[in-house]
Every structure is written in structure tokens, then in C-alpha cells.
Protein backbone atom coordinates (compact mmCIF):
# COMPACT_ATOMS: atom_id res chain seq x y z
CA MET A 1 18.13 -3.25 -13.93
CA THR A 2 16.89 -6.78 -14.48
CA LYS A 3 18.79 -7.99 -11.44
CA GLY A 4 18.06 -5.11 -8.96
CA ILE A 5 14.65 -6.92 -9.90
CA LYS A 6 15.40 -9.85 -9.30
CA SER A 7 17.48 -9.79 -6.26
CA PHE A 8 14.45 -8.02 -4.31
CA PHE A 9 12.24 -10.84 -5.43
CA ASP A 10 14.79 -13.56 -4.81
CA ARG A 11 14.61 -11.51 -1.04
CA ALA A 12 10.93 -11.04 -1.45
CA PHE A 13 10.46 -15.26 -1.15
CA SER A 14 13.36 -15.99 0.43
CA GLY A 15 11.76 -14.65 3.98
CA ASP A 16 14.43 -11.76 3.88
CA LEU A 17 11.98 -9.16 4.27
CA SER A 18 10.80 -8.18 8.13
CA THR A 19 7.67 -8.70 9.28
CA SER A 20 6.19 -5.54 8.63
CA GLY A 21 7.71 -5.90 4.90
CA LYS A 22 6.58 -9.23 4.54
CA ILE A 23 2.55 -7.77 5.63
CA LEU A 24 2.52 -5.02 3.36
CA LEU A 25 3.76 -6.98 0.86
CA SER A 26 0.57 -9.15 0.94
CA LEU A 27 -1.81 -6.79 2.44
CA SER A 28 -0.58 -5.24 -1.19
CA ILE A 29 -1.04 -7.96 -2.95
CA ILE A 30 -4.20 -9.71 -1.23
CA TRP A 31 -6.02 -6.18 -1.55
CA MET A 32 -5.41 -5.76 -5.61
CA LEU A 33 -6.95 -9.65 -6.06
CA VAL A 34 -9.54 -9.00 -4.26
CA ILE A 35 -10.51 -5.99 -6.06
CA GLY A 36 -9.86 -7.47 -9.42
CA TYR A 37 -12.53 -10.04 -8.25
CA LEU A 38 -14.70 -7.25 -7.28
CA THR A 39 -14.32 -5.84 -10.47
CA TRP A 40 -14.89 -8.95 -12.38
CA TRP A 41 -18.30 -9.80 -10.13
CA ASN A 42 -19.34 -6.36 -11.26
CA GLY A 43 -18.70 -6.42 -14.77
CA ILE A 44 -20.59 -9.65 -14.81
CA ASN A 45 -23.51 -8.70 -12.94
CA SER A 46 -24.10 -5.64 -14.05
CA PRO A 47 -27.85 -4.71 -15.80
CA GLY A 48 -25.77 -3.21 -19.06
CA MET A 49 -24.81 -5.59 -22.31
CA ASP A 50 -21.07 -4.68 -21.49
CA LYS A 51 -19.85 -7.76 -19.39
CA SER A 52 -16.28 -7.14 -19.87
CA PHE A 53 -13.53 -6.68 -17.78
CA LYS A 54 -13.19 -2.97 -16.04
CA TRP A 55 -9.81 -2.59 -16.65
CA ASP A 56 -9.75 1.60 -15.40
CA GLU A 57 -11.80 0.66 -11.67
CA TRP A 58 -9.21 -2.35 -10.89
CA PHE A 59 -6.43 0.17 -11.60
CA TRP A 60 -8.01 2.83 -9.73
CA PHE A 61 -9.31 1.29 -7.34
CA GLY A 62 -7.21 -2.06 -7.01
CA VAL A 63 -3.59 -0.94 -7.97
CA VAL A 64 -3.23 2.44 -7.15
CA PRO A 65 -4.38 2.52 -3.35
CA ALA A 66 -1.87 -1.03 -3.16
CA THR A 67 1.56 1.41 -4.51
CA VAL A 68 0.92 3.99 -2.36
CA PRO A 69 1.94 2.68 0.64
CA HIS A 70 5.02 1.34 -1.08
CA LEU A 71 5.55 5.05 -2.60
CA LEU A 72 4.87 6.77 0.61
CA ILE A 73 7.75 4.47 2.37
CA PHE A 74 10.16 5.93 -0.77
CA ILE A 75 9.15 9.31 0.55
CA TRP A 76 9.84 8.53 4.02
CA LYS A 77 12.80 6.62 3.79
CA PRO A 78 14.64 7.69 1.16
CA ASN A 79 17.44 5.32 2.38
CA VAL A 80 15.37 2.93 1.03
CA ILE A 81 14.58 3.57 -2.53
CA THR A 82 18.55 4.56 -2.38
CA LYS A 83 19.60 1.00 -1.63
CA CYS A 84 17.20 -0.47 -4.44
CA VAL A 85 18.00 2.11 -7.09
CA LYS A 86 22.16 1.14 -6.10
CA ALA A 87 21.07 -2.28 -6.73
CA ALA A 88 19.12 -1.65 -9.75
CA PHE A 89 21.87 -0.09 -11.41
CA LYS A 90 24.76 -2.03 -9.90
CA ASP A 91 27.41 -3.31 -12.68
CA ASP A 92 28.43 -7.14 -12.00
CA ASN A 93 30.73 -6.98 -14.89
């Protein structure tokens, strides 16, 4: 399974992704970082005594919206997920 993940990251960072794939991946990462920063800033500026990072807010407002477009691609383009699964479980021995 790690070979499939490694091949995805190799492909993602080598420039083999399509332009729309690069845009979608970049927007997802930027979204999670911005929401993480806003969650941290909101925690720092809260009037209460608890100044900790709110992980539940970051998960629901950062991670979930960033991953849903990828899940929708897997639903509407099943051949993409089939290729990913086959690559993940491919035995190179």
C-alpha cells in the first residue's frame, strides 16, 4: 500500500498531474492551511480561558471540505479510483 501512496506523491511532485489536478490539490492544501490558521487565531483571541487549538473545528471546516471534492471525483470517475487501488496493491516482487 505504501508503494501506491509513494507513487501518487512521486507523480504529484514530479509534475505528471494534469493542470486541473494540480489546481484541485493546491486549493485543498491551501484551504486546510488557511482554516487551520483561522482556527488557531480564533482560539488565541477567544475571550475565555481556553486558548488551545480547536481540532474539531479544524477537522469539520478544514479537512472535510478539502477532501470532499476528491471523494466526488472518485465517485464520478470510478476508473481513477480503480487505477489508484490497483497501483496501491500492486505486488512488485
